[in-house]
Amino acid sequence: MKKMRKIIGMMVMLAMMVCLMLQGVAEETTDVEKLYKNKDVDDSWSFLQAETVDLDSLESGSVFTISEEGDYVLSGTLNGRIEVEVQEEKKVRLILNGVSIISPEGPAIYEKQADKLIVTLAEGSENLLQDGNVITDEDDTIGAPLYAEDDLSINGSGSLTVNGTQKHGIQSKADLILANGNISITSILDGIRGRNSVLVLDGEITVNSGGDGITTTRTDSEGKGWLILAGGNIRVKTGEGAGSVKMPAESKESFGGRGRRDEWGSGSGTSDSGVSQKAVKAATDLTVLGGIYTFDCADDGLHGVNVTVHGGSFSIQSGDDGMHADKEMTVNAGTIEISQCYEGLEGENVTVNGGDIRIISSDDGINAAGGSDGSGFGGRGRNGGLSAAGSSGMLSIAGGQVAVNADGDGLDSNGSILITGGVIGVWAVTTTGEGPIDFNGTGRITSGTLIVASTGGGRMRNTSGLSGQTIMAFNASGRAGETLTLKGADGIQVGTFIPEEAFDTLMVSSDKIQEGSAFMITSGDQTLYSGIMSNSMTTAGGSESTGAGNGRMKNRKGW
């Protein structure tokens, strides 16, 4: 366990160093080690210092109550329940050393009162918890195989299977820490549920839930309701997965051609009963420091009031947003692949300072949408999204590799867009309602590389006010799936992008290619254009026409 603590500490230090090196990043990553104590992560134990409980010796249907502080080693099979009720300042640790506890009524393990319950999964052990019919305790309805009224921590290298047959899988009414373990959860509603907070440090965690995969719920107290993912290999499927979410056929035409990838479906995001089905949802702030994540979810992949990604590797298929923040969405580092979604990154303000981000969306790729949090599911009047009615919202890209293939707008802001770095590639259809880049306020690109491919009969819509470094657009056709490469006068590559669909118009801009300098753009082994960078629109043959709007995409103010 000392080794695991050292690894966690090194991981946090690395995340902080990366964060501080990123230009324009003001906030530091969370000091995770301050959020847990040694008891939460220490999985060492001894038979000499613990009381042994042989579940095989207990009568079927019985409730075994632990009323004294200490360590308890459990093994064997029980058709019944373990209850923990000690003085409120006392701690109890249950060491699961090969147990199968199936409760006919209520949780398999039920902590009714303690300062904290710690569950250690003994090395090499396989353990099963399954609940029975829900029970009530005053105003609480208890429905989870592992349920704690107080703080709950899980550690150890063993395996735990949790079958939540009534409501949730693992639930704490206070703070929940997952330090380690090979944990597999199936639940009718939420898989892992902490009221005050959830902290995931490590482990192999698989959740198949009818509600949210991992969630916090408290919103009525400052400093509560947060969720931190610091590491681990986490796989979450919610509902029937992203592929089960279908957009009503009558809605597709009314959204400017959105939802063309209707073999996926797009964005209802809830079950028929209105149950939230997000992979990871924080009631307040959600922070990711590292880890590996695979999400197949009917609703958002990540969801919180403020969402900050400092690292990690994501593979997301979502029936709604890949990552959604009600307020601030910030990506500082990490690898994010969103292969299916309604919108990729969404927040009132969206800031990208680094990372490798690839998005395929049936509507907007990245959307900064100010306004109330009342529309949801892509703004179609369901619960949990951002209104498109406001004129606020800021989309800022300062670094990283960003690739967007969108059936709606590629980069969209109800307010303004500012690009000061990074390599950004966008493919989108140019139609009456959609385009590669869309904003209501101001748009500037002062540094970085931008490659835009569009389909729309040779029209390229850009904001009439996109200003800053030189931007050039030209008619050029290319095939889907071939790498677009932008090169400077010396033949050195300055940026690449792979459009998922064919295109007939290109726009390029790079701080590495100055006004009047030679440049070239290729698609696979085909040269699409070779000429001089200038604020102009050219034909495929290279003749220039310098009219005021020819090379500029649209702004809702007029184009």
Protein backbone atom coordinates (compact mmCIF):
# COMPACT_ATOMS: atom_id res chain seq x y z
CA MET A 1 0.00 0.00 0.00
CA LYS A 2 2.96 2.32 0.61
CA LYS A 3 3.85 1.74 -3.03
CA MET A 4 0.33 2.71 -4.11
CA ARG A 5 0.46 5.90 -2.01
CA LYS A 6 3.80 6.76 -3.62
CA ILE A 7 2.35 6.21 -7.11
CA ILE A 8 -0.69 8.37 -6.31
CA GLY A 9 1.56 11.10 -4.94
CA MET A 10 3.78 11.03 -8.04
CA MET A 11 0.70 11.12 -10.28
CA VAL A 12 -0.67 14.18 -8.50
CA MET A 13 2.70 15.96 -8.63
CA LEU A 14 2.97 15.25 -12.38
CA ALA A 15 -0.54 16.58 -12.97
CA MET A 16 0.35 19.75 -11.07
CA MET A 17 3.56 20.24 -13.06
CA VAL A 18 1.69 19.81 -16.36
CA CYS A 19 -0.98 22.22 -15.21
CA LEU A 20 1.54 24.91 -14.22
CA MET A 21 3.35 24.61 -17.54
CA LEU A 22 0.19 25.25 -19.54
CA GLN A 23 -0.13 28.81 -20.73
CA GLY A 24 -3.04 30.69 -19.20
CA VAL A 25 -3.95 28.03 -16.63
CA ALA A 26 -4.53 29.81 -13.35
CA GLU A 27 -5.92 27.07 -11.15
CA GLU A 28 -3.83 24.24 -9.76
CA THR A 29 -4.90 20.64 -9.55
CA THR A 30 -6.39 19.35 -6.33
CA ASP A 31 -3.98 18.08 -3.66
CA VAL A 32 -5.65 14.68 -3.44
CA GLU A 33 -3.60 13.38 -0.50
CA LYS A 34 -5.31 15.91 1.75
CA LEU A 35 -8.67 14.31 0.98
CA TYR A 36 -8.01 10.89 2.52
CA LYS A 37 -6.25 9.32 5.47
CA ASN A 38 -3.97 6.31 5.72
CA LYS A 39 -6.82 4.11 6.97
CA ASP A 40 -8.72 4.75 3.75
CA VAL A 41 -6.01 3.24 1.56
CA ASP A 42 -4.15 0.83 3.86
CA ASP A 43 -5.18 -2.71 2.93
CA SER A 44 -2.75 -4.55 5.23
CA TRP A 45 -4.31 -6.72 7.95
CA SER A 46 -3.60 -9.63 10.27
CA PHE A 47 -5.68 -12.45 11.69
CA LEU A 48 -3.95 -11.76 15.03
CA GLN A 49 -5.40 -8.25 15.17
CA ALA A 50 -8.87 -8.96 13.86
CA GLU A 51 -11.97 -10.86 14.88
CA THR A 52 -12.86 -13.72 12.54
CA VAL A 53 -16.46 -14.26 11.46
CA ASP A 54 -17.39 -17.50 9.69
CA LEU A 55 -20.58 -16.71 7.82
CA ASP A 56 -21.23 -20.41 7.17
CA SER A 57 -21.90 -20.80 10.89
CA LEU A 58 -24.72 -18.26 10.92
CA GLU A 59 -28.37 -19.19 10.57
CA SER A 60 -29.99 -18.50 7.20
CA GLY A 61 -31.94 -15.25 7.19
CA SER A 62 -30.10 -13.90 10.22
CA VAL A 63 -28.76 -10.38 10.78
CA PHE A 64 -25.23 -10.33 12.21
CA THR A 65 -24.63 -7.06 14.08
CA ILE A 66 -21.21 -5.54 14.77
CA SER A 67 -21.39 -3.21 17.76
CA GLU A 68 -17.72 -2.72 18.68
CA GLU A 69 -14.93 -0.82 16.89
CA GLY A 70 -12.24 -2.93 15.23
CA ASP A 71 -11.27 -5.14 12.30
CA TYR A 72 -13.49 -8.08 11.30
CA VAL A 73 -12.46 -10.76 8.80
CA LEU A 74 -15.50 -12.20 7.04
CA SER A 75 -15.54 -15.43 5.00
CA GLY A 76 -18.16 -17.89 3.87
CA THR A 77 -21.75 -17.67 2.65
CA LEU A 78 -24.68 -15.92 4.27
CA ASN A 79 -28.31 -15.63 3.28
CA GLY A 80 -28.82 -12.62 5.47
CA ARG A 81 -27.30 -9.25 6.38
CA ILE A 82 -24.31 -7.70 8.14
CA GLU A 83 -25.15 -4.60 10.16
CA VAL A 84 -22.64 -2.17 11.65
CA GLU A 85 -23.82 0.03 14.51
CA VAL A 86 -21.17 1.47 16.83
CA GLN A 87 -20.66 4.78 18.61
CA GLU A 88 -20.63 7.60 16.08
CA GLU A 89 -16.94 8.41 16.64
CA LYS A 90 -15.80 4.78 16.15
CA LYS A 91 -14.48 3.12 12.98
CA VAL A 92 -15.11 -0.40 11.74
CA ARG A 93 -13.22 -2.29 9.05
CA LEU A 94 -14.68 -5.32 7.32
CA ILE A 95 -12.12 -7.50 5.55
CA LEU A 96 -13.93 -9.50 2.89
CA ASN A 97 -11.96 -12.72 2.48
CA GLY A 98 -14.14 -14.75 0.15
CA VAL A 99 -17.76 -13.97 1.02
CA SER A 100 -21.11 -14.40 -0.66
CA ILE A 101 -23.77 -12.36 1.14
CA ILE A 102 -27.23 -12.37 -0.42
CA SER A 103 -29.79 -10.52 1.63
CA PRO A 104 -33.47 -11.43 1.32
CA GLU A 105 -34.34 -7.97 2.64
CA GLY A 106 -32.29 -4.78 2.60
CA PRO A 107 -28.53 -4.40 2.05
CA ALA A 108 -26.05 -7.22 2.30
CA ILE A 109 -23.83 -4.87 4.34
CA TYR A 110 -25.59 -2.04 6.15
CA GLU A 111 -23.66 0.55 8.17
CA LYS A 112 -26.24 2.23 10.40
CA GLN A 113 -23.89 4.27 12.58
CA ALA A 114 -20.13 4.76 12.79
CA ASP A 115 -17.57 7.43 12.09
CA LYS A 116 -16.51 5.44 9.05
CA LEU A 117 -16.89 2.01 7.49
CA ILE A 118 -13.83 0.66 5.68
CA VAL A 119 -14.18 -2.37 3.42
CA THR A 120 -10.95 -4.16 2.52
CA LEU A 121 -10.96 -6.72 -0.30
CA ALA A 122 -8.43 -9.36 0.75
CA GLU A 123 -5.76 -10.21 -1.80
CA GLY A 124 -6.85 -13.05 -4.09
CA SER A 125 -10.39 -13.12 -2.71
CA GLU A 126 -13.64 -13.11 -4.69
CA ASN A 127 -16.63 -11.57 -2.97
CA LEU A 128 -20.33 -11.13 -3.79
CA LEU A 129 -22.90 -8.75 -2.32
CA GLN A 130 -26.56 -8.72 -3.34
CA ASP A 131 -29.50 -6.92 -1.77
CA GLY A 132 -33.12 -7.88 -1.26
CA ASN A 133 -36.33 -5.91 -0.98
CA VAL A 134 -35.84 -2.29 0.07
CA ILE A 135 -36.23 -1.41 3.72
CA THR A 136 -36.97 1.93 5.37
CA ASP A 137 -35.21 3.64 8.25
CA GLU A 138 -37.21 6.68 9.33
CA ASP A 139 -37.31 8.83 6.17
CA ASP A 140 -34.64 6.84 4.29
CA THR A 141 -35.37 4.16 1.74
CA ILE A 142 -32.46 1.74 1.83
CA GLY A 143 -31.79 0.06 -1.49
CA ALA A 144 -28.15 -0.94 -2.16
CA PRO A 145 -26.13 -4.10 -1.43
CA LEU A 146 -23.37 -2.00 0.23
CA TYR A 147 -24.96 0.92 2.06
CA ALA A 148 -23.44 3.33 4.59
CA GLU A 149 -25.13 6.13 6.49
CA ASP A 150 -21.68 7.61 7.11
CA ASP A 151 -18.29 7.72 5.37
CA LEU A 152 -17.37 4.65 3.33
CA SER A 153 -13.96 3.62 1.96
CA ILE A 154 -13.09 0.58 -0.15
CA ASN A 155 -9.55 -0.67 -0.65
CA GLY A 156 -7.60 -3.88 -1.30
CA SER A 157 -6.59 -5.89 -4.33
CA GLY A 158 -9.35 -8.51 -4.20
CA SER A 159 -12.53 -8.69 -6.29
CA LEU A 160 -16.03 -7.55 -5.43
CA THR A 161 -19.21 -8.19 -7.41
CA VAL A 162 -22.19 -6.04 -6.45
CA ASN A 163 -25.70 -6.86 -7.68
CA GLY A 164 -28.10 -4.00 -6.96
CA THR A 165 -31.48 -5.56 -7.55
CA GLN A 166 -33.58 -2.75 -6.07
CA LYS A 167 -31.97 0.66 -6.58
CA HIS A 168 -28.25 1.48 -6.35
CA GLY A 169 -25.06 -0.56 -6.16
CA ILE A 170 -22.69 1.07 -3.63
CA GLN A 171 -24.07 4.01 -1.65
CA SER A 172 -22.78 6.35 1.05
CA LYS A 173 -24.86 9.09 2.64
CA ALA A 174 -21.59 10.98 3.32
CA ASP A 175 -18.12 10.71 1.68
CA LEU A 176 -17.18 7.74 -0.49
CA ILE A 177 -13.58 6.75 -1.34
CA LEU A 178 -12.62 4.02 -3.80
CA ALA A 179 -8.92 3.41 -3.23
CA ASN A 180 -8.41 0.14 -5.08
CA GLY A 181 -9.96 -3.20 -5.95
CA ASN A 182 -11.48 -5.07 -8.86
CA ILE A 183 -15.11 -4.00 -8.55
CA SER A 184 -17.99 -4.98 -10.83
CA ILE A 185 -21.40 -3.39 -10.27
CA THR A 186 -24.81 -4.01 -11.82
CA SER A 187 -27.62 -1.79 -10.59
CA ILE A 188 -31.20 -0.85 -11.36
CA LEU A 189 -30.40 2.83 -10.75
CA ASP A 190 -27.04 4.46 -9.86
CA GLY A 191 -23.97 2.26 -9.72
CA ILE A 192 -21.80 4.23 -7.25
CA ARG A 193 -23.51 6.98 -5.27
CA GLY A 194 -22.01 9.32 -2.68
CA ARG A 195 -24.02 12.14 -1.18
CA ASN A 196 -21.25 14.52 -0.09
CA SER A 197 -18.41 13.39 -2.36
CA VAL A 198 -16.83 10.59 -4.34
CA LEU A 199 -13.05 10.19 -4.67
CA VAL A 200 -11.69 7.47 -6.98
CA LEU A 201 -7.98 6.85 -6.51
CA ASP A 202 -7.41 3.57 -8.36
CA GLY A 203 -8.88 0.20 -9.20
CA GLU A 204 -10.52 -1.79 -11.96
CA ILE A 205 -14.14 -0.65 -11.86
CA THR A 206 -16.93 -1.79 -14.15
CA VAL A 207 -20.43 -0.34 -13.83
CA ASN A 208 -23.56 -1.36 -15.73
CA SER A 209 -26.35 0.82 -14.40
CA GLY A 210 -29.90 1.81 -15.21
CA GLY A 211 -29.18 5.26 -13.79
CA ASP A 212 -25.93 7.19 -13.46
CA GLY A 213 -22.70 5.23 -13.32
CA ILE A 214 -20.86 7.25 -10.64
CA THR A 215 -22.57 10.21 -8.99
CA THR A 216 -22.75 12.65 -6.11
CA THR A 217 -26.03 14.23 -5.06
CA ARG A 218 -25.61 17.00 -2.49
CA THR A 219 -26.19 20.59 -3.62
CA ASP A 220 -27.39 22.29 -0.43
CA SER A 221 -24.02 22.76 1.33
CA GLU A 222 -20.93 24.64 0.17
CA GLY A 223 -17.95 22.38 -0.45
CA LYS A 224 -20.11 19.28 -0.89
CA GLY A 225 -21.27 17.36 -3.92
CA TRP A 226 -17.84 17.20 -5.60
CA LEU A 227 -16.40 14.24 -7.48
CA ILE A 228 -12.72 13.57 -8.27
CA LEU A 229 -11.34 10.88 -10.59
CA ALA A 230 -7.63 10.53 -9.85
CA GLY A 231 -6.91 7.17 -11.49
CA GLY A 232 -7.99 3.64 -12.22
CA ASN A 233 -9.44 1.84 -15.20
CA ILE A 234 -13.15 2.62 -15.24
CA ARG A 235 -15.74 1.25 -17.64
CA VAL A 236 -19.33 2.49 -17.47
CA LYS A 237 -22.43 1.59 -19.43
CA THR A 238 -25.68 3.35 -18.59
CA GLY A 239 -29.12 2.35 -19.79
CA GLU A 240 -28.86 0.45 -23.04
CA GLY A 241 -25.86 2.51 -24.11
CA ALA A 242 -25.47 5.36 -26.58
CA GLY A 243 -26.72 3.35 -29.54
CA SER A 244 -30.15 2.95 -27.97
CA VAL A 245 -30.80 6.70 -27.87
CA LYS A 246 -32.78 7.78 -30.93
CA MET A 247 -33.75 11.24 -32.05
CA PRO A 248 -37.37 11.47 -33.19
CA ALA A 249 -37.51 11.47 -36.98
CA GLU A 250 -39.68 14.58 -37.06
CA SER A 251 -36.95 16.52 -35.18
CA LYS A 252 -34.06 15.95 -37.56
CA GLU A 253 -35.01 18.35 -40.32
CA SER A 254 -35.88 21.13 -37.88
CA PHE A 255 -32.32 21.37 -36.59
CA GLY A 256 -30.59 22.45 -39.80
CA GLY A 257 -29.67 18.95 -40.87
CA ARG A 258 -28.46 17.79 -37.46
CA GLY A 259 -28.69 14.15 -36.63
CA ARG A 260 -27.55 12.89 -40.02
CA ARG A 261 -25.64 10.17 -38.20
CA ASP A 262 -29.00 8.69 -37.26
CA GLU A 263 -27.62 5.17 -37.15
CA TRP A 264 -26.33 6.27 -33.74
CA GLY A 265 -29.42 8.09 -32.66
CA SER A 266 -28.92 11.43 -30.99
CA GLY A 267 -29.59 12.84 -27.63
CA SER A 268 -32.71 11.92 -25.69
CA GLY A 269 -30.44 10.80 -22.89
CA THR A 270 -32.97 9.53 -20.38
CA SER A 271 -35.06 6.45 -19.91
CA ASP A 272 -38.80 6.67 -20.45
CA SER A 273 -39.19 7.34 -16.72
CA GLY A 274 -36.85 10.34 -16.87
CA VAL A 275 -33.99 8.66 -14.99
CA SER A 276 -30.60 10.34 -15.42
CA GLN A 277 -28.17 8.00 -17.22
CA LYS A 278 -24.84 9.84 -17.21
CA ALA A 279 -21.58 7.93 -16.91
CA VAL A 280 -20.09 10.24 -14.25
CA LYS A 281 -22.14 13.07 -12.72
CA ALA A 282 -21.16 15.48 -9.97
CA ALA A 283 -23.77 17.54 -8.17
CA THR A 284 -21.21 20.38 -8.08
CA ASP A 285 -17.60 20.20 -9.35
CA LEU A 286 -16.08 17.31 -11.28
CA THR A 287 -12.29 17.03 -11.59
CA VAL A 288 -10.26 14.44 -13.52
CA LEU A 289 -6.55 14.02 -12.76
CA GLY A 290 -5.78 10.77 -14.52
CA GLY A 291 -7.03 7.28 -15.26
CA ILE A 292 -8.49 5.33 -18.18
CA TYR A 293 -12.21 5.69 -18.95
CA THR A 294 -14.50 3.85 -21.35
CA PHE A 295 -18.08 5.13 -21.44
CA ASP A 296 -21.08 3.83 -23.38
CA CYS A 297 -23.84 5.96 -21.95
CA ALA A 298 -27.35 7.01 -22.87
CA ASP A 299 -26.67 10.48 -21.45
CA ASP A 300 -23.56 12.63 -20.88
CA GLY A 301 -20.13 11.07 -20.38
CA LEU A 302 -18.94 13.63 -17.81
CA HIS A 303 -21.38 16.07 -16.21
CA GLY A 304 -20.99 18.70 -13.49
CA VAL A 305 -21.47 22.35 -12.64
CA ASN A 306 -17.77 22.92 -13.34
CA VAL A 307 -15.79 20.20 -15.13
CA THR A 308 -11.97 20.28 -15.22
CA VAL A 309 -9.87 17.65 -17.01
CA HIS A 310 -6.18 17.71 -16.06
CA GLY A 311 -5.37 14.33 -17.62
CA GLY A 312 -6.61 10.83 -18.29
CA SER A 313 -7.58 8.85 -21.36
CA PHE A 314 -11.24 8.83 -22.46
CA SER A 315 -13.15 6.75 -24.99
CA ILE A 316 -16.74 8.00 -25.01
CA GLN A 317 -19.92 7.03 -26.82
CA SER A 318 -22.75 9.20 -25.58
CA GLY A 319 -26.41 9.63 -26.41
CA ASP A 320 -26.06 13.29 -25.46
CA ASP A 321 -22.94 15.34 -24.63
CA GLY A 322 -19.52 13.80 -24.40
CA MET A 323 -18.58 16.22 -21.59
CA HIS A 324 -20.98 18.82 -20.18
CA ALA A 325 -20.53 21.62 -17.63
CA ASP A 326 -23.36 23.87 -16.53
CA LYS A 327 -20.77 26.63 -16.08
CA GLU A 328 -17.03 26.13 -16.75
CA MET A 329 -15.69 23.35 -18.97
CA THR A 330 -11.87 23.27 -18.93
CA VAL A 331 -9.50 20.80 -20.58
CA ASN A 332 -5.83 21.19 -19.67
CA ALA A 333 -4.43 17.81 -20.73
CA GLY A 334 -5.38 14.24 -21.51
CA THR A 335 -6.56 12.17 -24.46
CA ILE A 336 -10.26 12.53 -25.24
CA GLU A 337 -11.90 10.54 -28.00
CA ILE A 338 -15.64 11.11 -28.33
CA SER A 339 -16.71 8.89 -31.21
CA GLN A 340 -20.45 9.36 -30.76
CA CYS A 341 -22.40 12.20 -29.17
CA TYR A 342 -24.94 14.94 -29.74
CA GLU A 343 -22.44 17.65 -28.71
CA GLY A 344 -18.82 16.92 -27.78
CA LEU A 345 -17.75 19.52 -25.21
CA GLU A 346 -20.39 21.86 -23.83
CA GLY A 347 -20.37 24.53 -21.12
CA GLU A 348 -21.35 28.10 -20.51
CA ASN A 349 -17.66 28.78 -21.10
CA VAL A 350 -15.33 26.23 -22.70
CA THR A 351 -11.53 26.52 -22.35
CA VAL A 352 -9.05 24.17 -24.02
CA ASN A 353 -5.45 24.67 -22.88
CA GLY A 354 -4.05 21.33 -24.00
CA GLY A 355 -4.73 17.68 -24.64
CA ASP A 356 -5.52 15.54 -27.66
CA ILE A 357 -9.24 15.90 -28.39
CA ARG A 358 -11.14 14.11 -31.17
CA ILE A 359 -14.89 14.58 -31.54
CA ILE A 360 -17.53 13.19 -33.90
CA SER A 361 -20.90 14.79 -33.16
CA SER A 362 -24.40 14.79 -34.60
CA ASP A 363 -24.72 18.46 -33.66
CA ASP A 364 -22.07 20.95 -32.43
CA GLY A 365 -18.57 19.70 -31.80
CA ILE A 366 -17.65 22.24 -29.11
CA ASN A 367 -20.37 24.53 -27.80
CA ALA A 368 -20.04 27.51 -25.45
CA ALA A 369 -23.64 28.37 -24.68
CA GLY A 370 -24.55 31.00 -22.12
CA GLY A 371 -27.98 31.19 -20.55
CA SER A 372 -30.08 29.10 -18.21
CA ASP A 373 -29.54 25.40 -17.55
CA GLY A 374 -33.05 24.51 -18.45
CA SER A 375 -33.10 22.97 -21.88
CA GLY A 376 -30.82 19.98 -21.91
CA PHE A 377 -30.15 17.10 -24.21
CA GLY A 378 -28.81 19.24 -26.99
CA GLY A 379 -31.18 22.09 -26.28
CA ARG A 380 -34.26 20.11 -27.20
CA GLY A 381 -36.21 20.93 -24.06
CA ARG A 382 -35.18 17.90 -22.02
CA ASN A 383 -33.44 18.16 -18.65
CA GLY A 384 -29.84 19.20 -18.08
CA GLY A 385 -28.50 21.24 -20.99
CA LEU A 386 -27.66 24.86 -21.77
CA SER A 387 -30.01 27.29 -23.39
CA ALA A 388 -29.07 28.64 -26.79
CA ALA A 389 -31.05 31.79 -26.19
CA GLY A 390 -28.34 33.87 -24.50
CA SER A 391 -25.54 35.86 -26.12
CA SER A 392 -22.98 35.06 -23.42
CA GLY A 393 -20.47 32.25 -23.43
CA MET A 394 -16.79 32.12 -24.36
CA LEU A 395 -14.93 29.44 -26.31
CA SER A 396 -11.15 29.73 -25.83
CA ILE A 397 -8.53 27.43 -27.34
CA ALA A 398 -4.95 28.08 -26.24
CA GLY A 399 -3.27 24.77 -27.01
CA GLY A 400 -3.58 21.08 -27.68
CA GLN A 401 -4.67 19.03 -30.68
CA VAL A 402 -8.37 19.44 -31.47
CA ALA A 403 -10.18 17.55 -34.25
CA VAL A 404 -13.93 18.06 -34.73
CA ASN A 405 -16.23 16.39 -37.24
CA ALA A 406 -19.70 17.82 -36.70
CA ASP A 407 -23.10 17.57 -38.32
CA GLY A 408 -23.94 20.90 -36.69
CA ASP A 409 -21.51 23.74 -36.03
CA GLY A 410 -17.92 22.67 -35.55
CA LEU A 411 -16.94 25.39 -33.06
CA ASP A 412 -19.93 27.26 -31.68
CA SER A 413 -20.26 30.08 -29.15
CA ASN A 414 -23.28 32.10 -28.20
CA GLY A 415 -20.73 34.74 -27.21
CA SER A 416 -17.20 34.91 -28.58
CA ILE A 417 -14.40 32.65 -29.81
CA LEU A 418 -10.69 33.24 -29.13
CA ILE A 419 -7.96 31.00 -30.57
CA THR A 420 -4.45 31.69 -29.23
CA GLY A 421 -2.74 28.36 -29.84
CA GLY A 422 -3.04 24.70 -30.64
CA VAL A 423 -3.71 22.77 -33.83
CA ILE A 424 -7.42 22.75 -34.64
CA GLY A 425 -9.16 20.83 -37.40
CA VAL A 426 -12.86 21.18 -38.19
CA TRP A 427 -15.18 19.49 -40.67
CA ALA A 428 -18.80 20.60 -40.91
CA VAL A 429 -21.54 21.08 -43.47
CA THR A 430 -22.25 24.63 -44.59
CA THR A 431 -26.02 25.07 -44.66
CA THR A 432 -28.47 27.81 -43.82
CA GLY A 433 -28.34 26.92 -40.15
CA GLU A 434 -24.93 25.32 -39.66
CA GLY A 435 -21.26 25.94 -40.40
CA PRO A 436 -17.74 25.10 -39.28
CA ILE A 437 -17.38 28.14 -37.00
CA ASP A 438 -20.24 30.10 -35.46
CA PHE A 439 -20.35 32.89 -32.87
CA ASN A 440 -22.59 35.79 -31.95
CA GLY A 441 -19.98 38.11 -30.46
CA THR A 442 -16.40 38.53 -31.63
CA GLY A 443 -13.98 35.99 -33.11
CA ARG A 444 -10.20 36.18 -33.12
CA ILE A 445 -7.35 33.87 -33.99
CA THR A 446 -4.01 35.34 -32.89
CA SER A 447 -1.86 32.22 -32.82
CA GLY A 448 -2.09 28.52 -33.56
CA THR A 449 -3.08 26.51 -36.63
CA LEU A 450 -6.61 26.16 -38.00
CA ILE A 451 -7.67 23.80 -40.80
CA VAL A 452 -11.34 23.88 -41.79
CA ALA A 453 -12.96 21.56 -44.33
CA SER A 454 -16.55 22.21 -45.36
CA THR A 455 -19.19 20.73 -47.60
CA GLY A 456 -21.77 23.07 -49.09
CA GLY A 457 -21.38 23.63 -52.78
CA GLY A 458 -18.17 25.62 -52.56
CA ARG A 459 -19.48 28.07 -49.96
CA MET A 460 -17.39 28.72 -46.85
CA ARG A 461 -19.18 30.53 -44.10
CA ASN A 462 -17.05 32.32 -41.58
CA THR A 463 -17.86 35.11 -39.20
CA SER A 464 -17.73 38.48 -40.88
CA GLY A 465 -15.61 39.55 -37.91
CA LEU A 466 -13.10 36.68 -37.49
CA SER A 467 -9.89 38.66 -37.18
CA GLY A 468 -6.27 38.31 -36.23
CA GLN A 469 -3.74 36.39 -38.26
CA THR A 470 -4.10 35.75 -41.99
CA ILE A 471 -6.96 33.44 -43.00
CA MET A 472 -7.26 31.98 -46.49
CA ALA A 473 -10.11 29.99 -48.02
CA PHE A 474 -10.27 28.16 -51.34
CA ASN A 475 -12.38 25.70 -53.28
CA ALA A 476 -10.81 22.24 -53.19
CA SER A 477 -12.39 18.80 -53.10
CA GLY A 478 -11.12 15.95 -50.97
CA ARG A 479 -12.17 12.48 -49.86
CA ALA A 480 -13.30 11.34 -46.46
CA GLY A 481 -10.76 9.73 -44.16
CA GLU A 482 -7.63 11.12 -45.84
CA THR A 483 -5.20 13.19 -43.81
CA LEU A 484 -5.11 16.89 -44.59
CA THR A 485 -1.59 18.24 -44.08
CA LEU A 486 -0.69 21.93 -43.97
CA LYS A 487 2.95 22.73 -44.78
CA GLY A 488 4.90 25.96 -44.75
CA ALA A 489 7.33 27.32 -47.34
CA ASP A 490 10.10 25.05 -46.13
CA GLY A 491 7.89 21.99 -46.49
CA ILE A 492 7.72 21.50 -42.73
CA GLN A 493 4.38 20.23 -41.46
CA VAL A 494 2.54 22.70 -39.25
CA GLY A 495 -0.72 20.82 -38.76
CA THR A 496 -2.82 17.83 -39.78
CA PHE A 497 -6.49 16.92 -39.64
CA ILE A 498 -8.57 13.95 -40.83
CA PRO A 499 -12.10 14.88 -42.03
CA GLU A 500 -14.59 12.05 -41.61
CA GLU A 501 -16.57 13.21 -44.66
CA ALA A 502 -15.78 14.54 -48.14
CA PHE A 503 -15.46 18.30 -48.60
CA ASP A 504 -15.41 20.93 -51.36
CA THR A 505 -14.00 23.99 -49.56
CA LEU A 506 -11.01 24.58 -47.29
CA MET A 507 -9.89 27.36 -44.99
CA VAL A 508 -6.45 27.53 -43.35
CA SER A 509 -4.62 29.83 -40.98
CA SER A 510 -1.39 29.39 -39.02
CA ASP A 511 0.96 31.59 -37.03
CA LYS A 512 3.76 29.62 -38.67
CA ILE A 513 2.76 30.82 -42.16
CA GLN A 514 2.90 34.59 -42.53
CA GLU A 515 1.02 36.80 -44.98
CA GLY A 516 2.74 36.53 -48.38
CA SER A 517 4.53 33.28 -47.55
CA ALA A 518 4.25 30.12 -49.62
CA PHE A 519 2.30 27.16 -48.26
CA MET A 520 0.84 23.87 -49.41
CA ILE A 521 -2.03 21.68 -48.28
CA THR A 522 -2.35 18.02 -49.25
CA SER A 523 -4.96 15.31 -48.85
CA GLY A 524 -3.27 11.95 -48.67
CA ASP A 525 -0.82 11.98 -51.59
CA GLN A 526 -2.80 14.63 -53.51
CA THR A 527 -1.83 18.32 -53.49
CA LEU A 528 -4.98 20.40 -53.10
CA TYR A 529 -3.36 23.82 -53.15
CA SER A 530 0.10 25.33 -53.42
CA GLY A 531 0.42 29.10 -53.39
CA ILE A 532 0.83 32.24 -51.31
CA MET A 533 -0.96 32.87 -48.02
CA SER A 534 -3.27 35.87 -48.21
CA ASN A 535 -6.65 37.02 -46.93
CA SER A 536 -8.49 35.83 -50.02
CA MET A 537 -10.74 33.26 -51.61
CA THR A 538 -9.35 31.29 -54.54
CA THR A 539 -10.74 28.77 -56.96
CA ALA A 540 -9.35 25.28 -57.22
CA GLY A 541 -7.18 26.44 -60.10
CA GLY A 542 -5.48 29.01 -57.94
CA SER A 543 -6.79 32.30 -59.36
CA GLU A 544 -7.54 34.77 -56.59
CA SER A 545 -10.59 36.87 -55.97
CA THR A 546 -10.30 39.21 -53.06
CA GLY A 547 -13.87 40.20 -52.33
CA ALA A 548 -14.86 41.18 -48.82
CA GLY A 549 -16.75 38.10 -47.75
CA ASN A 550 -15.85 35.30 -50.14
CA GLY A 551 -13.45 33.53 -47.84
CA ARG A 552 -15.31 34.17 -44.64
CA MET A 553 -17.68 31.92 -42.86
CA LYS A 554 -20.83 33.05 -41.17
CA ASN A 555 -21.82 35.05 -38.16
CA ARG A 556 -25.41 35.16 -37.03
CA LYS A 557 -25.16 38.95 -37.23
CA GLY A 558 -25.09 38.57 -41.00
CA TRP A 559 -22.87 37.09 -43.70
